[in-house]
C-alpha atoms as a PDB file:
ATOM      1  CA  MET A   1     163.902  79.117 230.517  1.00  0.00           C
ATOM      2  CA  ASP A   2     164.841  75.431 230.394  1.00  0.00           C
ATOM      3  CA  SER A   3     166.247  74.118 227.121  1.00  0.00           C
ATOM      4  CA  PHE A   4     164.874  71.098 225.300  1.00  0.00           C
ATOM      5  CA  PRO A   5     166.383  68.904 222.571  1.00  0.00           C
ATOM      6  CA  VAL A   6     163.910  70.183 219.972  1.00  0.00           C
ATOM      7  CA  ASP A   7     165.166  73.761 220.424  1.00  0.00           C
ATOM      8  CA  GLU A   8     168.023  73.174 217.988  1.00  0.00           C
ATOM      9  CA  ALA A   9     165.504  72.248 215.279  1.00  0.00           C
ATOM     10  CA  LEU A  10     163.222  75.262 215.778  1.00  0.00           C
ATOM     11  CA  PRO A  11     165.214  77.675 213.547  1.00  0.00           C
ATOM     12  CA  ARG A  12     165.080  75.141 210.709  1.00  0.00           C
ATOM     13  CA  LEU A  13     161.354  74.639 211.221  1.00  0.00           C
ATOM     14  CA  LYS A  14     160.700  78.385 211.189  1.00  0.00           C
ATOM     15  CA  GLU A  15     162.810  78.785 208.050  1.00  0.00           C
ATOM     16  CA  ALA A  16     160.844  76.013 206.315  1.00  0.00           C
ATOM     17  CA  LEU A  17     157.546  77.712 207.168  1.00  0.00           C
ATOM     18  CA  LEU A  18     158.836  81.103 206.060  1.00  0.00           C
ATOM     19  CA  GLY A  19     159.499  79.747 202.580  1.00  0.00           C
ATOM     20  CA  GLY A  20     156.540  77.338 202.362  1.00  0.00           C
ATOM     21  CA  ASN A  21     153.223  76.494 203.944  1.00  0.00           C
ATOM     22  CA  ALA A  22     153.919  73.044 205.419  1.00  0.00           C
ATOM     23  CA  ALA A  23     156.548  71.035 207.267  1.00  0.00           C
ATOM     24  CA  VAL A  24     156.984  67.655 208.943  1.00  0.00           C
ATOM     25  CA  LEU A  25     158.783  67.591 212.292  1.00  0.00           C
ATOM     26  CA  VAL A  26     160.198  64.291 213.541  1.00  0.00           C
ATOM     27  CA  ALA A  27     161.456  64.406 217.123  1.00  0.00           C
ATOM     28  CA  PRO A  28     161.830  61.638 219.712  1.00  0.00           C
ATOM     29  CA  PRO A  29     159.673  61.381 222.840  1.00  0.00           C
ATOM     30  CA  GLY A  30     160.630  63.954 225.433  1.00  0.00           C
ATOM     31  CA  ALA A  31     162.199  66.317 222.910  1.00  0.00           C
ATOM     32  CA  GLY A  32     159.705  69.040 223.830  1.00  0.00           C
ATOM     33  CA  LYS A  33     157.999  69.449 220.466  1.00  0.00           C
ATOM     34  CA  THR A  34     154.457  69.613 221.872  1.00  0.00           C
ATOM     35  CA  THR A  35     155.098  72.634 224.097  1.00  0.00           C
ATOM     36  CA  ARG A  36     158.006  74.368 222.344  1.00  0.00           C
ATOM     37  CA  VAL A  37     156.859  74.513 218.728  1.00  0.00           C
ATOM     38  CA  PRO A  38     153.613  76.541 219.187  1.00  0.00           C
ATOM     39  CA  LEU A  39     155.337  79.096 221.423  1.00  0.00           C
ATOM     40  CA  ALA A  40     158.235  79.455 218.972  1.00  0.00           C
ATOM     41  CA  LEU A  41     155.827  80.346 216.158  1.00  0.00           C
ATOM     42  CA  LEU A  42     153.988  83.141 217.963  1.00  0.00           C
ATOM     43  CA  ASP A  43     156.371  85.848 216.745  1.00  0.00           C
ATOM     44  CA  THR A  44     156.670  84.690 213.120  1.00  0.00           C
ATOM     45  CA  PRO A  45     155.789  87.362 210.547  1.00  0.00           C
ATOM     46  CA  TRP A  46     153.444  85.165 208.532  1.00  0.00           C
ATOM     47  CA  LEU A  47     151.253  84.424 211.564  1.00  0.00           C
ATOM     48  CA  GLY A  48     150.388  88.044 212.315  1.00  0.00           C
ATOM     49  CA  ASN A  49     147.474  88.156 214.732  1.00  0.00           C
ATOM     50  CA  SER A  50     146.093  84.790 213.663  1.00  0.00           C
ATOM     51  CA  LYS A  51     145.765  81.791 215.965  1.00  0.00           C
ATOM     52  CA  ILE A  52     147.635  78.522 216.183  1.00  0.00           C
ATOM     53  CA  VAL A  53     145.486  75.426 216.651  1.00  0.00           C
ATOM     54  CA  MET A  54     147.214  72.232 217.736  1.00  0.00           C
ATOM     55  CA  GLN A  55     145.259  68.998 217.481  1.00  0.00           C
ATOM     56  CA  GLU A  56     146.091  66.651 220.337  1.00  0.00           C
ATOM     57  CA  PRO A  57     144.814  63.038 220.342  1.00  0.00           C
ATOM     58  CA  ARG A  58     144.008  62.800 224.071  1.00  0.00           C
ATOM     59  CA  ARG A  59     142.235  65.076 226.544  1.00  0.00           C
ATOM     60  CA  LEU A  60     144.788  64.609 229.292  1.00  0.00           C
ATOM     61  CA  ALA A  61     147.639  65.500 226.946  1.00  0.00           C
ATOM     62  CA  ALA A  62     145.752  68.536 225.615  1.00  0.00           C
ATOM     63  CA  ARG A  63     145.220  69.970 229.101  1.00  0.00           C
ATOM     64  CA  ALA A  64     148.786  69.209 230.179  1.00  0.00           C
ATOM     65  CA  ALA A  65     150.303  70.803 227.062  1.00  0.00           C
ATOM     66  CA  ALA A  66     148.247  73.968 227.492  1.00  0.00           C
ATOM     67  CA  ARG A  67     149.150  74.243 231.171  1.00  0.00           C
ATOM     68  CA  ARG A  68     152.839  73.754 230.474  1.00  0.00           C
ATOM     69  CA  MET A  69     152.898  76.423 227.756  1.00  0.00           C
ATOM     70  CA  ALA A  70     150.931  78.854 229.908  1.00  0.00           C
ATOM     71  CA  ALA A  71     153.328  78.294 232.811  1.00  0.00           C
ATOM     72  CA  THR A  72     156.282  78.907 230.483  1.00  0.00           C
ATOM     73  CA  LEU A  73     154.782  82.321 229.694  1.00  0.00           C
ATOM     74  CA  GLY A  74     154.077  82.968 233.357  1.00  0.00           C
ATOM     75  CA  GLU A  75     150.318  83.006 232.719  1.00  0.00           C
ATOM     76  CA  GLN A  76     147.170  81.101 233.557  1.00  0.00           C
ATOM     77  CA  VAL A  77     145.496  78.769 231.061  1.00  0.00           C
ATOM     78  CA  GLY A  78     142.945  80.747 229.051  1.00  0.00           C
ATOM     79  CA  GLU A  79     145.173  83.762 228.459  1.00  0.00           C
ATOM     80  CA  THR A  80     147.666  83.387 225.579  1.00  0.00           C
ATOM     81  CA  VAL A  81     147.301  79.597 225.647  1.00  0.00           C
ATOM     82  CA  GLY A  82     144.053  77.690 226.090  1.00  0.00           C
ATOM     83  CA  TYR A  83     142.469  74.363 225.330  1.00  0.00           C
ATOM     84  CA  ARG A  84     139.226  72.812 224.116  1.00  0.00           C
ATOM     85  CA  VAL A  85     138.292  69.282 225.118  1.00  0.00           C
ATOM     86  CA  ARG A  86     134.931  67.583 225.530  1.00  0.00           C
ATOM     87  CA  LEU A  87     132.916  69.286 228.293  1.00  0.00           C
ATOM     88  CA  ASP A  88     135.837  71.563 229.197  1.00  0.00           C
ATOM     89  CA  THR A  89     136.966  74.749 227.435  1.00  0.00           C
ATOM     90  CA  ARG A  90     139.527  77.250 228.690  1.00  0.00           C
ATOM     91  CA  VAL A  91     140.005  80.005 226.116  1.00  0.00           C
ATOM     92  CA  GLY A  92     139.664  83.763 226.301  1.00  0.00           C
ATOM     93  CA  PRO A  93     139.653  86.860 224.070  1.00  0.00           C
ATOM     94  CA  ARG A  94     143.479  87.005 224.145  1.00  0.00           C
ATOM     95  CA  THR A  95     144.077  83.325 223.369  1.00  0.00           C
ATOM     96  CA  ARG A  96     146.518  82.805 220.490  1.00  0.00           C
ATOM     97  CA  ILE A  97     147.247  79.087 220.914  1.00  0.00           C
ATOM     98  CA  GLU A  98     144.426  76.563 221.283  1.00  0.00           C
ATOM     99  CA  VAL A  99     145.121  72.906 222.031  1.00  0.00           C
ATOM    100  CA  VAL A 100     142.124  70.943 220.756  1.00  0.00           C
ATOM    101  CA  THR A 101     141.245  67.248 220.818  1.00  0.00           C
ATOM    102  CA  ASP A 102     140.621  65.492 217.511  1.00  0.00           C
ATOM    103  CA  GLY A 103     136.827  65.290 217.713  1.00  0.00           C
ATOM    104  CA  LEU A 104     136.395  68.977 218.529  1.00  0.00           C
ATOM    105  CA  PHE A 105     138.838  70.014 215.836  1.00  0.00           C
ATOM    106  CA  LEU A 106     136.871  68.018 213.285  1.00  0.00           C
ATOM    107  CA  ARG A 107     133.753  69.882 214.400  1.00  0.00           C
ATOM    108  CA  MET A 108     135.611  73.196 213.954  1.00  0.00           C
ATOM    109  CA  LEU A 109     136.457  72.175 210.398  1.00  0.00           C
ATOM    110  CA  GLN A 110     132.857  71.253 209.672  1.00  0.00           C
ATOM    111  CA  ASP A 111     131.647  74.611 210.999  1.00  0.00           C
ATOM    112  CA  ASP A 112     134.309  76.619 209.134  1.00  0.00           C
ATOM    113  CA  PRO A 113     136.196  74.702 206.425  1.00  0.00           C
ATOM    114  CA  SER A 114     138.379  77.737 205.647  1.00  0.00           C
ATOM    115  CA  LEU A 115     139.530  78.057 209.284  1.00  0.00           C
ATOM    116  CA  ASP A 116     139.125  81.812 209.263  1.00  0.00           C
ATOM    117  CA  GLY A 117     141.369  83.519 211.800  1.00  0.00           C
ATOM    118  CA  ILE A 118     143.680  80.503 212.123  1.00  0.00           C
ATOM    119  CA  GLY A 119     147.160  80.877 210.673  1.00  0.00           C
ATOM    120  CA  CYS A 120     148.672  77.508 211.559  1.00  0.00           C
ATOM    121  CA  VAL A 121     147.399  74.001 212.278  1.00  0.00           C
ATOM    122  CA  ILE A 122     149.674  71.565 214.094  1.00  0.00           C
ATOM    123  CA  PHE A 123     148.911  67.846 214.134  1.00  0.00           C
ATOM    124  CA  ASP A 124     150.710  66.515 217.203  1.00  0.00           C
ATOM    125  CA  GLU A 125     151.505  62.799 217.473  1.00  0.00           C
ATOM    126  CA  LEU A 126     150.149  62.175 213.983  1.00  0.00           C
ATOM    127  CA  HIS A 127     151.222  58.535 214.209  1.00  0.00           C
ATOM    128  CA  GLU A 128     148.336  57.929 216.639  1.00  0.00           C
ATOM    129  CA  ARG A 129     145.993  57.208 213.765  1.00  0.00           C
ATOM    130  CA  GLY A 130     142.243  57.561 214.192  1.00  0.00           C
ATOM    131  CA  LEU A 131     139.219  58.298 212.060  1.00  0.00           C
ATOM    132  CA  GLU A 132     138.870  61.878 213.332  1.00  0.00           C
ATOM    133  CA  THR A 133     142.577  62.643 212.883  1.00  0.00           C
ATOM    134  CA  ASP A 134     142.782  61.153 209.389  1.00  0.00           C
ATOM    135  CA  LEU A 135     139.657  63.005 208.271  1.00  0.00           C
ATOM    136  CA  SER A 136     140.815  66.283 209.826  1.00  0.00           C
ATOM    137  CA  PHE A 137     144.209  65.970 208.160  1.00  0.00           C
ATOM    138  CA  ALA A 138     142.575  65.374 204.767  1.00  0.00           C
ATOM    139  CA  LEU A 139     140.201  68.313 205.215  1.00  0.00           C
ATOM    140  CA  VAL A 140     142.994  70.663 206.257  1.00  0.00           C
ATOM    141  CA  CYS A 141     145.078  69.652 203.234  1.00  0.00           C
ATOM    142  CA  GLU A 142     142.037  70.249 201.028  1.00  0.00           C
ATOM    143  CA  ALA A 143     141.374  73.648 202.610  1.00  0.00           C
ATOM    144  CA  GLN A 144     144.995  74.646 202.181  1.00  0.00           C
ATOM    145  CA  ALA A 145     144.961  73.696 198.500  1.00  0.00           C
ATOM    146  CA  ALA A 146     141.578  75.203 197.607  1.00  0.00           C
ATOM    147  CA  LEU A 147     140.853  77.997 200.091  1.00  0.00           C
ATOM    148  CA  ARG A 148     143.841  78.942 202.235  1.00  0.00           C
ATOM    149  CA  GLU A 149     147.210  78.835 200.514  1.00  0.00           C
ATOM    150  CA  ASP A 150     148.533  80.982 203.374  1.00  0.00           C
ATOM    151  CA  LEU A 151     147.569  78.402 206.030  1.00  0.00           C
ATOM    152  CA  ARG A 152     150.606  76.696 207.557  1.00  0.00           C
ATOM    153  CA  VAL A 153     150.355  73.004 208.437  1.00  0.00           C
ATOM    154  CA  ILE A 154     152.811  71.101 210.627  1.00  0.00           C
ATOM    155  CA  ALA A 155     152.743  67.342 211.151  1.00  0.00           C
ATOM    156  CA  MET A 156     154.678  66.217 214.238  1.00  0.00           C
ATOM    157  CA  SER A 157     155.534  62.756 215.506  1.00  0.00           C
ATOM    158  CA  ALA A 158     158.187  60.717 217.228  1.00  0.00           C
ATOM    159  CA  THR A 159     157.750  57.523 215.187  1.00  0.00           C
ATOM    160  CA  LEU A 160     156.095  58.654 211.965  1.00  0.00           C
ATOM    161  CA  ASP A 161     157.507  57.696 208.572  1.00  0.00           C
ATOM    162  CA  PRO A 162     157.802  61.267 207.255  1.00  0.00           C
ATOM    163  CA  GLY A 163     157.936  60.434 203.549  1.00  0.00           C
ATOM    164  CA  PRO A 164     154.228  59.796 202.779  1.00  0.00           C
ATOM    165  CA  VAL A 165     153.089  62.655 205.015  1.00  0.00           C
ATOM    166  CA  ALA A 166     155.518  65.106 203.432  1.00  0.00           C
ATOM    167  CA  GLU A 167     154.300  63.998 200.004  1.00  0.00           C
ATOM    168  CA  ARG A 168     150.668  64.497 201.051  1.00  0.00           C
ATOM    169  CA  LEU A 169     151.624  68.017 202.119  1.00  0.00           C
ATOM    170  CA  GLY A 170     152.897  68.836 198.654  1.00  0.00           C
ATOM    171  CA  GLY A 171     156.502  67.807 199.140  1.00  0.00           C
ATOM    172  CA  ALA A 172     156.915  69.573 202.476  1.00  0.00           C
ATOM    173  CA  PRO A 173     160.403  69.648 203.999  1.00  0.00           C
ATOM    174  CA  VAL A 174     161.188  67.236 206.813  1.00  0.00           C
ATOM    175  CA  VAL A 175     162.866  68.675 209.900  1.00  0.00           C
ATOM    176  CA  GLU A 176     164.427  66.155 212.260  1.00  0.00           C
ATOM    177  CA  SER A 177     165.525  66.631 215.849  1.00  0.00           C
ATOM    178  CA  ALA A 178     168.076  64.119 217.088  1.00  0.00           C
ATOM    179  CA  GLY A 179     167.141  64.517 220.735  1.00  0.00           C
ATOM    180  CA  ARG A 180     169.296  63.293 223.600  1.00  0.00           C
ATOM    181  CA  MET A 181     170.517  59.739 223.930  1.00  0.00           C
ATOM    182  CA  PHE A 182     170.773  58.039 227.308  1.00  0.00           C
ATOM    183  CA  PRO A 183     171.986  54.521 228.144  1.00  0.00           C
ATOM    184  CA  VAL A 184     169.202  52.013 228.782  1.00  0.00           C
ATOM    185  CA  ASP A 185     169.424  48.782 230.754  1.00  0.00           C
ATOM    186  CA  THR A 186     166.770  46.113 230.233  1.00  0.00           C
ATOM    187  CA  ILE A 187     166.043  44.034 233.330  1.00  0.00           C
ATOM    188  CA  TYR A 188     163.627  41.087 233.293  1.00  0.00           C
ATOM    189  CA  LEU A 189     161.953  40.069 236.553  1.00  0.00           C
ATOM    190  CA  ASP A 190     160.338  36.755 237.418  1.00  0.00           C
ATOM    191  CA  ARG A 191     156.580  36.797 237.903  1.00  0.00           C
ATOM    192  CA  ASP A 192     154.201  34.395 239.577  1.00  0.00           C
ATOM    193  CA  PRO A 193     151.764  33.408 236.789  1.00  0.00           C
ATOM    194  CA  THR A 194     148.940  33.180 239.328  1.00  0.00           C
ATOM    195  CA  GLY A 195     149.538  36.634 240.784  1.00  0.00           C
ATOM    196  CA  ARG A 196     147.652  39.783 239.810  1.00  0.00           C
ATOM    197  CA  ILE A 197     149.491  42.156 237.495  1.00  0.00           C
ATOM    198  CA  GLU A 198     148.592  45.081 239.766  1.00  0.00           C
ATOM    199  CA  ASP A 199     150.385  43.537 242.754  1.00  0.00           C
ATOM    200  CA  VAL A 200     153.457  42.721 240.682  1.00  0.00           C
ATOM    201  CA  VAL A 201     153.615  46.219 239.160  1.00  0.00           C
ATOM    202  CA  ALA A 202     153.195  47.916 242.544  1.00  0.00           C
ATOM    203  CA  SER A 203     155.986  45.936 244.153  1.00  0.00           C
ATOM    204  CA  THR A 204     158.236  46.430 241.114  1.00  0.00           C
ATOM    205  CA  VAL A 205     157.730  50.201 241.191  1.00  0.00           C
ATOM    206  CA  ARG A 206     158.564  50.313 244.897  1.00  0.00           C
ATOM    207  CA  ARG A 207     161.710  48.310 244.240  1.00  0.00           C
ATOM    208  CA  ALA A 208     162.765  50.487 241.316  1.00  0.00           C
ATOM    209  CA  LEU A 209     162.294  53.705 243.294  1.00  0.00           C
ATOM    210  CA  ALA A 210     164.286  52.268 246.188  1.00  0.00           C
ATOM    211  CA  GLU A 211     167.180  51.022 244.043  1.00  0.00           C
ATOM    212  CA  GLN A 212     167.404  53.740 241.374  1.00  0.00           C
ATOM    213  CA  PRO A 213     167.503  57.567 241.431  1.00  0.00           C
ATOM    214  CA  GLY A 214     164.785  59.639 239.765  1.00  0.00           C
ATOM    215  CA  SER A 215     161.165  58.844 238.990  1.00  0.00           C
ATOM    216  CA  ALA A 216     159.316  56.080 237.132  1.00  0.00           C
ATOM    217  CA  LEU A 217     157.117  55.955 234.036  1.00  0.00           C
ATOM    218  CA  VAL A 218     154.798  52.937 234.166  1.00  0.00           C
ATOM    219  CA  PHE A 219     152.648  51.585 231.323  1.00  0.00           C
ATOM    220  CA  LEU A 220     149.516  49.524 232.014  1.00  0.00           C
ATOM    221  CA  PRO A 221     146.784  48.053 229.783  1.00  0.00           C
ATOM    222  CA  GLY A 222     143.887  50.251 230.892  1.00  0.00           C
ATOM    223  CA  VAL A 223     142.280  52.651 233.352  1.00  0.00           C
ATOM    224  CA  GLY A 224     141.167  49.839 235.670  1.00  0.00           C
ATOM    225  CA  GLU A 225     144.674  48.498 236.076  1.00  0.00           C
ATOM    226  CA  ILE A 226     146.044  52.016 236.603  1.00  0.00           C
ATOM    227  CA  ARG A 227     143.579  52.705 239.415  1.00  0.00           C
ATOM    228  CA  ARG A 228     144.225  49.390 241.114  1.00  0.00           C
ATOM    229  CA  VAL A 229     147.985  49.930 240.981  1.00  0.00           C
ATOM    230  CA  GLU A 230     147.479  53.385 242.526  1.00  0.00           C
END
């Protein structure tokens, strides 16, 4: 199994959850927290046969995380690991980890505020604030305090200020993963102000792939620009 930077923080996270019911995990992008943390918690004694639910802000990320974890276990999505997004659900009777988008998780909380059968809730990328996420986080904290003292809650982020979140979780410990550092060069390219951004991005990507080894991660303003660049 491949190793990820967050792996060194997993023992500390598990220890924090063994002695308490909440933790904040701060790990940089690419550390592997989204796919490594839920799998690492499956064999913890406090979880038993209960489920882990991880709230993911975006549908694409929810599907990708579930597929990656399932592949790590050598399984198909819907076995040990599944997901629930709008108009698409892949869970089965053996599913122990469910990756759920924010709107559907809020609906789960409304249907069952005590989260019966769920032993751990993970808020992934908590810094991506939204009405559904903020409300879900408040409701889970309320359920933990009033109904489910045994419920574990983990808040994860790459850029989150952990102090206020840890305080909201009753003084939860903060676990930090340093990640891996790589040198970065910043290169500015000239651009014709009358040219379309899609044309400029496409030519820049071709140039980067020709001049540099590896792959490219490209950010664009919206779906329309992404499709036109493709």
